[in-house]
Amino acid sequence: MTHLPDCPTCNSSLTYEDGALFVCPECGHEWSADDASPAADEAVVHQDAVGNVLADGDSVTITKDLKVKGASSALKAGTKVRNIRLVEGDHNIDCKIEGFGPMKLKSEFVKKAQG
């Protein structure tokens, strides 16, 4: 029996083959044997709405009014968000916004703050 690679996301050893893909039953991650190594994934560059490169700990400003699911009001354009954290996924910024609490934002709706 051949040894299958561990899941690159959760390190589970319970992976299985599904056609040309490897699948992890614990986290649902799918990848092919040709995928780049996890070290290459760390080179992802996050950019704001105007192309500035973002980094963990940056401050950003929201560029347009954003509706917030479950909230009675929207986040207004010009709201400053401090100390962002970059993560993988569709909403690639984790932050805390005063008056709203923890929030996930897309980098395309923010602009890096000066200073």
PDB file of N, CA and C in Angstrom:
ATOM      1  N   MET A   1       0.840  -1.184   0.000  1.00  0.00           N
ATOM      2  CA  MET A   1       0.000   0.000   0.000  1.00  0.00           C
ATOM      3  C   MET A   1       0.885   1.246   0.000  1.00  0.00           C
ATOM      4  N   THR A   2       0.553   2.213  -0.855  1.00  0.00           N
ATOM      5  CA  THR A   2       1.359   3.426  -0.935  1.00  0.00           C
ATOM      6  C   THR A   2       0.953   4.396   0.156  1.00  0.00           C
ATOM      7  N   HIS A   3       1.932   5.164   0.595  1.00  0.00           N
ATOM      8  CA  HIS A   3       1.676   6.147   1.645  1.00  0.00           C
ATOM      9  C   HIS A   3       1.216   7.453   1.001  1.00  0.00           C
ATOM     10  N   LEU A   4       0.074   7.955   1.418  1.00  0.00           N
ATOM     11  CA  LEU A   4      -0.459   9.209   0.891  1.00  0.00           C
ATOM     12  C   LEU A   4       0.056  10.365   1.735  1.00  0.00           C
ATOM     13  N   PRO A   5       0.217  11.542   1.137  1.00  0.00           N
ATOM     14  CA  PRO A   5       0.729  12.685   1.901  1.00  0.00           C
ATOM     15  C   PRO A   5      -0.282  13.157   2.937  1.00  0.00           C
ATOM     16  N   ASP A   6       0.235  13.713   4.034  1.00  0.00           N
ATOM     17  CA  ASP A   6      -0.630  14.302   5.056  1.00  0.00           C
ATOM     18  C   ASP A   6      -1.247  15.582   4.506  1.00  0.00           C
ATOM     19  N   CYS A   7      -2.381  15.967   5.052  1.00  0.00           N
ATOM     20  CA  CYS A   7      -3.068  17.179   4.626  1.00  0.00           C
ATOM     21  C   CYS A   7      -2.188  18.402   4.920  1.00  0.00           C
ATOM     22  N   PRO A   8      -1.958  19.285   3.936  1.00  0.00           N
ATOM     23  CA  PRO A   8      -1.131  20.468   4.183  1.00  0.00           C
ATOM     24  C   PRO A   8      -1.833  21.511   5.049  1.00  0.00           C
ATOM     25  N   THR A   9      -3.147  21.416   5.206  1.00  0.00           N
ATOM     26  CA  THR A   9      -3.887  22.383   6.003  1.00  0.00           C
ATOM     27  C   THR A   9      -3.945  21.998   7.483  1.00  0.00           C
ATOM     28  N   CYS A  10      -4.342  20.746   7.762  1.00  0.00           N
ATOM     29  CA  CYS A  10      -4.526  20.339   9.163  1.00  0.00           C
ATOM     30  C   CYS A  10      -3.588  19.214   9.599  1.00  0.00           C
ATOM     31  N   ASN A  11      -2.718  18.757   8.709  1.00  0.00           N
ATOM     32  CA  ASN A  11      -1.742  17.694   8.987  1.00  0.00           C
ATOM     33  C   ASN A  11      -2.368  16.347   9.326  1.00  0.00           C
ATOM     34  N   SER A  12      -3.600  16.124   8.897  1.00  0.00           N
ATOM     35  CA  SER A  12      -4.261  14.839   9.131  1.00  0.00           C
ATOM     36  C   SER A  12      -3.619  13.772   8.255  1.00  0.00           C
ATOM     37  N   SER A  13      -3.497  12.570   8.790  1.00  0.00           N
ATOM     38  CA  SER A  13      -2.939  11.458   8.021  1.00  0.00           C
ATOM     39  C   SER A  13      -4.040  10.597   7.388  1.00  0.00           C
ATOM     40  N   LEU A  14      -5.287  11.024   7.491  1.00  0.00           N
ATOM     41  CA  LEU A  14      -6.422  10.251   6.987  1.00  0.00           C
ATOM     42  C   LEU A  14      -6.793  10.615   5.557  1.00  0.00           C
ATOM     43  N   THR A  15      -5.868  11.133   4.778  1.00  0.00           N
ATOM     44  CA  THR A  15      -6.174  11.555   3.415  1.00  0.00           C
ATOM     45  C   THR A  15      -6.475  10.366   2.510  1.00  0.00           C
ATOM     46  N   TYR A  16      -7.203  10.628   1.425  1.00  0.00           N
ATOM     47  CA  TYR A  16      -7.490   9.591   0.434  1.00  0.00           C
ATOM     48  C   TYR A  16      -7.462  10.218  -0.953  1.00  0.00           C
ATOM     49  N   GLU A  17      -7.356   9.367  -1.974  1.00  0.00           N
ATOM     50  CA  GLU A  17      -7.322   9.828  -3.349  1.00  0.00           C
ATOM     51  C   GLU A  17      -8.726   9.823  -3.934  1.00  0.00           C
ATOM     52  N   ASP A  18      -9.041  10.860  -4.702  1.00  0.00           N
ATOM     53  CA  ASP A  18     -10.303  10.948  -5.432  1.00  0.00           C
ATOM     54  C   ASP A  18      -9.955  11.406  -6.837  1.00  0.00           C
ATOM     55  N   GLY A  19      -9.734  10.444  -7.725  1.00  0.00           N
ATOM     56  CA  GLY A  19      -9.276  10.776  -9.075  1.00  0.00           C
ATOM     57  C   GLY A  19      -7.859  11.308  -9.019  1.00  0.00           C
ATOM     58  N   ALA A  20      -7.652  12.508  -9.518  1.00  0.00           N
ATOM     59  CA  ALA A  20      -6.324  13.120  -9.526  1.00  0.00           C
ATOM     60  C   ALA A  20      -6.073  13.971  -8.287  1.00  0.00           C
ATOM     61  N   LEU A  21      -7.033  14.033  -7.374  1.00  0.00           N
ATOM     62  CA  LEU A  21      -6.901  14.882  -6.184  1.00  0.00           C
ATOM     63  C   LEU A  21      -6.716  14.051  -4.925  1.00  0.00           C
ATOM     64  N   PHE A  22      -6.064  14.661  -3.937  1.00  0.00           N
ATOM     65  CA  PHE A  22      -6.032  14.133  -2.580  1.00  0.00           C
ATOM     66  C   PHE A  22      -7.079  14.897  -1.791  1.00  0.00           C
ATOM     67  N   VAL A  23      -7.783  14.220  -0.879  1.00  0.00           N
ATOM     68  CA  VAL A  23      -8.849  14.833  -0.102  1.00  0.00           C
ATOM     69  C   VAL A  23      -8.634  14.532   1.373  1.00  0.00           C
ATOM     70  N   CYS A  24      -8.857  15.549   2.209  1.00  0.00           N
ATOM     71  CA  CYS A  24      -8.782  15.368   3.662  1.00  0.00           C
ATOM     72  C   CYS A  24     -10.208  15.289   4.207  1.00  0.00           C
ATOM     73  N   PRO A  25     -10.599  14.173   4.838  1.00  0.00           N
ATOM     74  CA  PRO A  25     -11.960  14.063   5.361  1.00  0.00           C
ATOM     75  C   PRO A  25     -12.192  14.892   6.621  1.00  0.00           C
ATOM     76  N   GLU A  26     -11.117  15.317   7.285  1.00  0.00           N
ATOM     77  CA  GLU A  26     -11.284  16.080   8.525  1.00  0.00           C
ATOM     78  C   GLU A  26     -11.586  17.550   8.275  1.00  0.00           C
ATOM     79  N   CYS A  27     -10.844  18.181   7.334  1.00  0.00           N
ATOM     80  CA  CYS A  27     -11.063  19.609   7.092  1.00  0.00           C
ATOM     81  C   CYS A  27     -11.667  19.891   5.719  1.00  0.00           C
ATOM     82  N   GLY A  28     -11.741  18.877   4.843  1.00  0.00           N
ATOM     83  CA  GLY A  28     -12.342  19.050   3.539  1.00  0.00           C
ATOM     84  C   GLY A  28     -11.416  19.635   2.486  1.00  0.00           C
ATOM     85  N   HIS A  29     -10.152  19.836   2.819  1.00  0.00           N
ATOM     86  CA  HIS A  29      -9.195  20.419   1.865  1.00  0.00           C
ATOM     87  C   HIS A  29      -8.903  19.428   0.749  1.00  0.00           C
ATOM     88  N   GLU A  30      -8.863  19.940  -0.500  1.00  0.00           N
ATOM     89  CA  GLU A  30      -8.525  19.122  -1.662  1.00  0.00           C
ATOM     90  C   GLU A  30      -7.312  19.720  -2.337  1.00  0.00           C
ATOM     91  N   TRP A  31      -6.382  18.891  -2.791  1.00  0.00           N
ATOM     92  CA  TRP A  31      -5.189  19.363  -3.484  1.00  0.00           C
ATOM     93  C   TRP A  31      -4.685  18.285  -4.409  1.00  0.00           C
ATOM     94  N   SER A  32      -3.907  18.688  -5.399  1.00  0.00           N
ATOM     95  CA  SER A  32      -3.330  17.726  -6.333  1.00  0.00           C
ATOM     96  C   SER A  32      -1.864  17.523  -5.993  1.00  0.00           C
ATOM     97  N   ALA A  33      -1.289  16.464  -6.515  1.00  0.00           N
ATOM     98  CA  ALA A  33       0.127  16.193  -6.258  1.00  0.00           C
ATOM     99  C   ALA A  33       1.005  17.258  -6.896  1.00  0.00           C
ATOM    100  N   ASP A  34       0.494  17.973  -7.892  1.00  0.00           N
ATOM    101  CA  ASP A  34       1.259  19.006  -8.579  1.00  0.00           C
ATOM    102  C   ASP A  34       1.204  20.361  -7.883  1.00  0.00           C
ATOM    103  N   ASP A  35       0.369  20.510  -6.847  1.00  0.00           N
ATOM    104  CA  ASP A  35       0.252  21.797  -6.156  1.00  0.00           C
ATOM    105  C   ASP A  35       1.597  22.223  -5.589  1.00  0.00           C
ATOM    106  N   ALA A  36       1.757  23.542  -5.486  1.00  0.00           N
ATOM    107  CA  ALA A  36       2.992  24.085  -4.919  1.00  0.00           C
ATOM    108  C   ALA A  36       3.095  23.720  -3.448  1.00  0.00           C
ATOM    109  N   SER A  37       4.283  23.745  -2.950  1.00  0.00           N
ATOM    110  CA  SER A  37       4.512  23.419  -1.545  1.00  0.00           C
ATOM    111  C   SER A  37       3.881  24.494  -0.659  1.00  0.00           C
ATOM    112  N   PRO A  38       3.581  24.187   0.613  1.00  0.00           N
ATOM    113  CA  PRO A  38       2.985  25.174   1.508  1.00  0.00           C
ATOM    114  C   PRO A  38       3.864  26.410   1.674  1.00  0.00           C
ATOM    115  N   ALA A  39       5.178  26.295   1.522  1.00  0.00           N
ATOM    116  CA  ALA A  39       6.053  27.447   1.663  1.00  0.00           C
ATOM    117  C   ALA A  39       5.769  28.470   0.564  1.00  0.00           C
ATOM    118  N   ALA A  40       5.350  28.021  -0.612  1.00  0.00           N
ATOM    119  CA  ALA A  40       5.032  28.940  -1.699  1.00  0.00           C
ATOM    120  C   ALA A  40       3.747  29.708  -1.408  1.00  0.00           C
ATOM    121  N   ASP A  41       2.835  29.107  -0.636  1.00  0.00           N
ATOM    122  CA  ASP A  41       1.593  29.784  -0.282  1.00  0.00           C
ATOM    123  C   ASP A  41       1.846  30.987   0.618  1.00  0.00           C
ATOM    124  N   GLU A  42       2.911  30.983   1.387  1.00  0.00           N
ATOM    125  CA  GLU A  42       3.216  32.089   2.282  1.00  0.00           C
ATOM    126  C   GLU A  42       3.611  33.344   1.519  1.00  0.00           C
ATOM    127  N   ALA A  43       3.910  33.223   0.233  1.00  0.00           N
ATOM    128  CA  ALA A  43       4.327  34.357  -0.565  1.00  0.00           C
ATOM    129  C   ALA A  43       3.136  35.136  -1.129  1.00  0.00           C
ATOM    130  N   VAL A  44       1.908  34.843  -0.677  1.00  0.00           N
ATOM    131  CA  VAL A  44       0.733  35.551  -1.157  1.00  0.00           C
ATOM    132  C   VAL A  44       0.815  37.006  -0.708  1.00  0.00           C
ATOM    133  N   VAL A  45       0.596  37.919  -1.646  1.00  0.00           N
ATOM    134  CA  VAL A  45       0.655  39.347  -1.351  1.00  0.00           C
ATOM    135  C   VAL A  45      -0.765  39.889  -1.341  1.00  0.00           C
ATOM    136  N   HIS A  46      -1.132  40.557  -0.259  1.00  0.00           N
ATOM    137  CA  HIS A  46      -2.457  41.159  -0.145  1.00  0.00           C
ATOM    138  C   HIS A  46      -2.323  42.637  -0.477  1.00  0.00           C
ATOM    139  N   GLN A  47      -3.203  43.118  -1.370  1.00  0.00           N
ATOM    140  CA  GLN A  47      -3.182  44.516  -1.771  1.00  0.00           C
ATOM    141  C   GLN A  47      -4.517  45.158  -1.462  1.00  0.00           C
ATOM    142  N   ASP A  48      -4.475  46.480  -1.179  1.00  0.00           N
ATOM    143  CA  ASP A  48      -5.710  47.213  -0.916  1.00  0.00           C
ATOM    144  C   ASP A  48      -6.360  47.630  -2.232  1.00  0.00           C
ATOM    145  N   ALA A  49      -7.379  48.465  -2.169  1.00  0.00           N
ATOM    146  CA  ALA A  49      -8.148  48.851  -3.344  1.00  0.00           C
ATOM    147  C   ALA A  49      -7.333  49.614  -4.388  1.00  0.00           C
ATOM    148  N   VAL A  50      -6.251  50.265  -3.977  1.00  0.00           N
ATOM    149  CA  VAL A  50      -5.441  51.039  -4.921  1.00  0.00           C
ATOM    150  C   VAL A  50      -4.088  50.403  -5.203  1.00  0.00           C
ATOM    151  N   GLY A  51      -3.859  49.192  -4.715  1.00  0.00           N
ATOM    152  CA  GLY A  51      -2.644  48.457  -5.035  1.00  0.00           C
ATOM    153  C   GLY A  51      -1.537  48.515  -4.006  1.00  0.00           C
ATOM    154  N   ASN A  52      -1.747  49.181  -2.880  1.00  0.00           N
ATOM    155  CA  ASN A  52      -0.729  49.201  -1.820  1.00  0.00           C
ATOM    156  C   ASN A  52      -0.648  47.828  -1.165  1.00  0.00           C
ATOM    157  N   VAL A  53       0.550  47.382  -0.851  1.00  0.00           N
ATOM    158  CA  VAL A  53       0.743  46.083  -0.202  1.00  0.00           C
ATOM    159  C   VAL A  53       0.387  46.214   1.280  1.00  0.00           C
ATOM    160  N   LEU A  54      -0.433  45.286   1.773  1.00  0.00           N
ATOM    161  CA  LEU A  54      -0.847  45.285   3.177  1.00  0.00           C
ATOM    162  C   LEU A  54      -0.015  44.291   3.971  1.00  0.00           C
ATOM    163  N   ALA A  55       0.165  44.569   5.264  1.00  0.00           N
ATOM    164  CA  ALA A  55       0.893  43.683   6.165  1.00  0.00           C
ATOM    165  C   ALA A  55       0.144  43.607   7.491  1.00  0.00           C
ATOM    166  N   ASP A  56       0.427  42.565   8.268  1.00  0.00           N
ATOM    167  CA  ASP A  56      -0.168  42.452   9.599  1.00  0.00           C
ATOM    168  C   ASP A  56       0.176  43.691  10.420  1.00  0.00           C
ATOM    169  N   GLY A  57      -0.808  44.201  11.162  1.00  0.00           N
ATOM    170  CA  GLY A  57      -0.587  45.348  12.027  1.00  0.00           C
ATOM    171  C   GLY A  57      -0.842  46.693  11.362  1.00  0.00           C
ATOM    172  N   ASP A  58      -1.090  46.716  10.057  1.00  0.00           N
ATOM    173  CA  ASP A  58      -1.371  47.982   9.363  1.00  0.00           C
ATOM    174  C   ASP A  58      -2.706  48.554   9.805  1.00  0.00           C
ATOM    175  N   SER A  59      -2.881  49.846   9.557  1.00  0.00           N
ATOM    176  CA  SER A  59      -4.167  50.502   9.728  1.00  0.00           C
ATOM    177  C   SER A  59      -4.732  50.768   8.345  1.00  0.00           C
ATOM    178  N   VAL A  60      -6.030  50.575   8.191  1.00  0.00           N
ATOM    179  CA  VAL A  60      -6.688  50.787   6.905  1.00  0.00           C
ATOM    180  C   VAL A  60      -7.945  51.623   7.105  1.00  0.00           C
ATOM    181  N   THR A  61      -8.422  52.197   5.998  1.00  0.00           N
ATOM    182  CA  THR A  61      -9.658  52.968   5.997  1.00  0.00           C
ATOM    183  C   THR A  61     -10.623  52.299   5.028  1.00  0.00           C
ATOM    184  N   ILE A  62     -11.880  52.161   5.419  1.00  0.00           N
ATOM    185  CA  ILE A  62     -12.892  51.546   4.565  1.00  0.00           C
ATOM    186  C   ILE A  62     -13.240  52.532   3.453  1.00  0.00           C
ATOM    187  N   THR A  63     -13.283  52.063   2.197  1.00  0.00           N
ATOM    188  CA  THR A  63     -13.460  52.954   1.049  1.00  0.00           C
ATOM    189  C   THR A  63     -14.913  53.146   0.617  1.00  0.00           C
ATOM    190  N   LYS A  64     -15.816  52.284   1.038  1.00  0.00           N
ATOM    191  CA  LYS A  64     -17.228  52.447   0.678  1.00  0.00           C
ATOM    192  C   LYS A  64     -18.099  51.905   1.797  1.00  0.00           C
ATOM    193  N   ASP A  65     -19.342  52.348   1.845  1.00  0.00           N
ATOM    194  CA  ASP A  65     -20.273  51.847   2.857  1.00  0.00           C
ATOM    195  C   ASP A  65     -20.470  50.351   2.652  1.00  0.00           C
ATOM    196  N   LEU A  66     -20.361  49.587   3.739  1.00  0.00           N
ATOM    197  CA  LEU A  66     -20.501  48.137   3.677  1.00  0.00           C
ATOM    198  C   LEU A  66     -21.641  47.688   4.573  1.00  0.00           C
ATOM    199  N   LYS A  67     -22.577  46.951   4.003  1.00  0.00           N
ATOM    200  CA  LYS A  67     -23.662  46.382   4.798  1.00  0.00           C
ATOM    201  C   LYS A  67     -23.089  45.254   5.641  1.00  0.00           C
ATOM    202  N   VAL A  68     -23.536  45.175   6.881  1.00  0.00           N
ATOM    203  CA  VAL A  68     -23.073  44.131   7.791  1.00  0.00           C
ATOM    204  C   VAL A  68     -24.257  43.243   8.125  1.00  0.00           C
ATOM    205  N   LYS A  69     -24.115  41.959   7.769  1.00  0.00           N
ATOM    206  CA  LYS A  69     -25.196  41.009   8.018  1.00  0.00           C
ATOM    207  C   LYS A  69     -25.463  40.927   9.522  1.00  0.00           C
ATOM    208  N   GLY A  70     -26.700  41.094   9.925  1.00  0.00           N
ATOM    209  CA  GLY A  70     -27.085  40.988  11.322  1.00  0.00           C
ATOM    210  C   GLY A  70     -26.949  42.274  12.111  1.00  0.00           C
ATOM    211  N   ALA A  71     -26.447  43.338  11.488  1.00  0.00           N
ATOM    212  CA  ALA A  71     -26.300  44.623  12.183  1.00  0.00           C
ATOM    213  C   ALA A  71     -27.369  45.588  11.678  1.00  0.00           C
ATOM    214  N   SER A  72     -27.738  46.535  12.532  1.00  0.00           N
ATOM    215  CA  SER A  72     -28.780  47.485  12.155  1.00  0.00           C
ATOM    216  C   SER A  72     -28.251  48.611  11.278  1.00  0.00           C
ATOM    217  N   SER A  73     -26.944  48.803  11.245  1.00  0.00           N
ATOM    218  CA  SER A  73     -26.386  49.866  10.411  1.00  0.00           C
ATOM    219  C   SER A  73     -25.191  49.345   9.625  1.00  0.00           C
ATOM    220  N   ALA A  74     -24.780  50.118   8.638  1.00  0.00           N
ATOM    221  CA  ALA A  74     -23.653  49.732   7.789  1.00  0.00           C
ATOM    222  C   ALA A  74     -22.364  50.347   8.313  1.00  0.00           C
ATOM    223  N   LEU A  75     -21.242  49.776   7.897  1.00  0.00           N
ATOM    224  CA  LEU A  75     -19.947  50.402   8.158  1.00  0.00           C
ATOM    225  C   LEU A  75     -19.793  51.535   7.163  1.00  0.00           C
ATOM    226  N   LYS A  76     -19.507  52.717   7.626  1.00  0.00           N
ATOM    227  CA  LYS A  76     -19.438  53.891   6.767  1.00  0.00           C
ATOM    228  C   LYS A  76     -18.062  54.023   6.124  1.00  0.00           C
ATOM    229  N   ALA A  77     -18.043  54.552   4.911  1.00  0.00           N
ATOM    230  CA  ALA A  77     -16.780  54.851   4.237  1.00  0.00           C
ATOM    231  C   ALA A  77     -16.010  55.846   5.092  1.00  0.00           C
ATOM    232  N   GLY A  78     -14.711  55.646   5.201  1.00  0.00           N
ATOM    233  CA  GLY A  78     -13.874  56.523   6.014  1.00  0.00           C
ATOM    234  C   GLY A  78     -13.614  55.996   7.411  1.00  0.00           C
ATOM    235  N   THR A  79     -14.272  54.892   7.803  1.00  0.00           N
ATOM    236  CA  THR A  79     -14.036  54.289   9.110  1.00  0.00           C
ATOM    237  C   THR A  79     -12.618  53.737   9.147  1.00  0.00           C
ATOM    238  N   LYS A  80     -11.848  54.128  10.162  1.00  0.00           N
ATOM    239  CA  LYS A  80     -10.464  53.667  10.277  1.00  0.00           C
ATOM    240  C   LYS A  80     -10.427  52.388  11.111  1.00  0.00           C
ATOM    241  N   VAL A  81      -9.677  51.415  10.611  1.00  0.00           N
ATOM    242  CA  VAL A  81      -9.524  50.128  11.283  1.00  0.00           C
ATOM    243  C   VAL A  81      -8.046  49.958  11.594  1.00  0.00           C
ATOM    244  N   ARG A  82      -7.727  49.734  12.851  1.00  0.00           N
ATOM    245  CA  ARG A  82      -6.334  49.612  13.269  1.00  0.00           C
ATOM    246  C   ARG A  82      -5.961  48.160  13.508  1.00  0.00           C
ATOM    247  N   ASN A  83      -4.682  47.870  13.346  1.00  0.00           N
ATOM    248  CA  ASN A  83      -4.095  46.580  13.704  1.00  0.00           C
ATOM    249  C   ASN A  83      -4.794  45.406  13.014  1.00  0.00           C
ATOM    250  N   ILE A  84      -4.775  45.405  11.686  1.00  0.00           N
ATOM    251  CA  ILE A  84      -5.401  44.318  10.936  1.00  0.00           C
ATOM    252  C   ILE A  84      -4.527  43.071  10.981  1.00  0.00           C
ATOM    253  N   ARG A  85      -5.147  41.944  10.707  1.00  0.00           N
ATOM    254  CA  ARG A  85      -4.426  40.672  10.596  1.00  0.00           C
ATOM    255  C   ARG A  85      -4.833  40.036   9.283  1.00  0.00           C
ATOM    256  N   LEU A  86      -3.860  39.665   8.463  1.00  0.00           N
ATOM    257  CA  LEU A  86      -4.128  39.061   7.165  1.00  0.00           C
ATOM    258  C   LEU A  86      -4.290  37.557   7.306  1.00  0.00           C
ATOM    259  N   VAL A  87      -5.318  37.018   6.649  1.00  0.00           N
ATOM    260  CA  VAL A  87      -5.609  35.587   6.690  1.00  0.00           C
ATOM    261  C   VAL A  87      -5.908  35.108   5.278  1.00  0.00           C
ATOM    262  N   GLU A  88      -5.955  33.808   5.084  1.00  0.00           N
ATOM    263  CA  GLU A  88      -6.306  33.222   3.794  1.00  0.00           C
ATOM    264  C   GLU A  88      -7.819  33.162   3.672  1.00  0.00           C
ATOM    265  N   GLY A  89      -8.291  33.196   2.454  1.00  0.00           N
ATOM    266  CA  GLY A  89      -9.716  33.040   2.213  1.00  0.00           C
ATOM    267  C   GLY A  89     -10.304  34.218   1.462  1.00  0.00           C
ATOM    268  N   ASP A  90     -11.604  34.164   1.254  1.00  0.00           N
ATOM    269  CA  ASP A  90     -12.305  35.200   0.514  1.00  0.00           C
ATOM    270  C   ASP A  90     -12.243  36.542   1.237  1.00  0.00           C
ATOM    271  N   HIS A  91     -12.573  36.546   2.509  1.00  0.00           N
ATOM    272  CA  HIS A  91     -12.444  37.735   3.350  1.00  0.00           C
ATOM    273  C   HIS A  91     -11.075  37.632   4.021  1.00  0.00           C
ATOM    274  N   ASN A  92     -10.098  38.364   3.517  1.00  0.00           N
ATOM    275  CA  ASN A  92      -8.720  38.121   3.917  1.00  0.00           C
ATOM    276  C   ASN A  92      -8.177  39.074   4.966  1.00  0.00           C
ATOM    277  N   ILE A  93      -9.033  39.847   5.642  1.00  0.00           N
ATOM    278  CA  ILE A  93      -8.594  40.711   6.735  1.00  0.00           C
ATOM    279  C   ILE A  93      -9.442  40.410   7.965  1.00  0.00           C
ATOM    280  N   ASP A  94      -8.788  40.067   9.067  1.00  0.00           N
ATOM    281  CA  ASP A  94      -9.449  39.938  10.368  1.00  0.00           C
ATOM    282  C   ASP A  94      -9.140  41.201  11.148  1.00  0.00           C
ATOM    283  N   CYS A  95     -10.144  41.766  11.821  1.00  0.00           N
ATOM    284  CA  CYS A  95      -9.916  42.992  12.579  1.00  0.00           C
ATOM    285  C   CYS A  95     -11.012  43.159  13.621  1.00  0.00           C
ATOM    286  N   LYS A  96     -10.822  44.146  14.475  1.00  0.00           N
ATOM    287  CA  LYS A  96     -11.850  44.564  15.420  1.00  0.00           C
ATOM    288  C   LYS A  96     -12.164  46.019  15.125  1.00  0.00           C
ATOM    289  N   ILE A  97     -13.450  46.317  14.958  1.00  0.00           N
ATOM    290  CA  ILE A  97     -13.876  47.672  14.652  1.00  0.00           C
ATOM    291  C   ILE A  97     -14.654  48.198  15.847  1.00  0.00           C
ATOM    292  N   GLU A  98     -14.250  49.376  16.327  1.00  0.00           N
ATOM    293  CA  GLU A  98     -14.935  49.963  17.482  1.00  0.00           C
ATOM    294  C   GLU A  98     -16.410  50.149  17.161  1.00  0.00           C
ATOM    295  N   GLY A  99     -17.273  49.697  18.062  1.00  0.00           N
ATOM    296  CA  GLY A  99     -18.712  49.803  17.875  1.00  0.00           C
ATOM    297  C   GLY A  99     -19.329  48.626  17.136  1.00  0.00           C
ATOM    298  N   PHE A 100     -18.497  47.792  16.476  1.00  0.00           N
ATOM    299  CA  PHE A 100     -19.008  46.627  15.753  1.00  0.00           C
ATOM    300  C   PHE A 100     -18.434  45.325  16.297  1.00  0.00           C
ATOM    301  N   GLY A 101     -17.190  45.336  16.752  1.00  0.00           N
ATOM    302  CA  GLY A 101     -16.555  44.128  17.258  1.00  0.00           C
ATOM    303  C   GLY A 101     -15.752  43.428  16.181  1.00  0.00           C
ATOM    304  N   PRO A 102     -15.517  42.122  16.357  1.00  0.00           N
ATOM    305  CA  PRO A 102     -14.705  41.368  15.386  1.00  0.00           C
ATOM    306  C   PRO A 102     -15.367  41.353  14.008  1.00  0.00           C
ATOM    307  N   MET A 103     -14.537  41.457  12.970  1.00  0.00           N
ATOM    308  CA  MET A 103     -15.068  41.573  11.626  1.00  0.00           C
ATOM    309  C   MET A 103     -14.075  40.973  10.638  1.00  0.00           C
ATOM    310  N   LYS A 104     -14.591  40.445   9.544  1.00  0.00           N
ATOM    311  CA  LYS A 104     -13.759  40.002   8.425  1.00  0.00           C
ATOM    312  C   LYS A 104     -14.078  40.923   7.252  1.00  0.00           C
ATOM    313  N   LEU A 105     -13.022  41.423   6.604  1.00  0.00           N
ATOM    314  CA  LEU A 105     -13.186  42.337   5.485  1.00  0.00           C
ATOM    315  C   LEU A 105     -12.439  41.813   4.270  1.00  0.00           C
ATOM    316  N   LYS A 106     -12.844  42.265   3.098  1.00  0.00           N
ATOM    317  CA  LYS A 106     -12.106  41.981   1.872  1.00  0.00           C
ATOM    318  C   LYS A 106     -11.148  43.138   1.632  1.00  0.00           C
ATOM    319  N   SER A 107      -9.938  42.818   1.206  1.00  0.00           N
ATOM    320  CA  SER A 107      -8.937  43.858   0.999  1.00  0.00           C
ATOM    321  C   SER A 107      -9.316  44.818  -0.128  1.00  0.00           C
ATOM    322  N   GLU A 108     -10.206  44.421  -1.013  1.00  0.00           N
ATOM    323  CA  GLU A 108     -10.608  45.296  -2.117  1.00  0.00           C
ATOM    324  C   GLU A 108     -11.470  46.468  -1.662  1.00  0.00           C
ATOM    325  N   PHE A 109     -11.955  46.453  -0.406  1.00  0.00           N
ATOM    326  CA  PHE A 109     -12.798  47.525   0.106  1.00  0.00           C
ATOM    327  C   PHE A 109     -12.096  48.386   1.140  1.00  0.00           C
ATOM    328  N   VAL A 110     -10.777  48.283   1.233  1.00  0.00           N
ATOM    329  CA  VAL A 110     -10.033  49.103   2.182  1.00  0.00           C
ATOM    330  C   VAL A 110      -8.866  49.786   1.472  1.00  0.00           C
ATOM    331  N   LYS A 111      -8.388  50.857   2.089  1.00  0.00           N
ATOM    332  CA  LYS A 111      -7.222  51.583   1.589  1.00  0.00           C
ATOM    333  C   LYS A 111      -6.267  51.744   2.763  1.00  0.00           C
ATOM    334  N   LYS A 112      -4.985  51.499   2.526  1.00  0.00           N
ATOM    335  CA  LYS A 112      -3.990  51.604   3.576  1.00  0.00           C
ATOM    336  C   LYS A 112      -3.954  53.028   4.094  1.00  0.00           C
ATOM    337  N   ALA A 113      -4.015  53.179   5.425  1.00  0.00           N
ATOM    338  CA  ALA A 113      -4.007  54.503   6.047  1.00  0.00           C
ATOM    339  C   ALA A 113      -2.589  55.057   6.091  1.00  0.00           C
ATOM    340  N   GLN A 114      -2.474  56.346   5.980  1.00  0.00           N
ATOM    341  CA  GLN A 114      -1.162  57.001   6.018  1.00  0.00           C
ATOM    342  C   GLN A 114      -0.658  57.072   7.456  1.00  0.00           C
ATOM    343  N   GLY A 115       0.636  56.890   7.611  1.00  0.00           N
ATOM    344  CA  GLY A 115       1.238  57.085   8.924  1.00  0.00           C
ATOM    345  C   GLY A 115       1.517  55.911   9.690  1.00  0.00           C
TER     346      GLY A 115
END
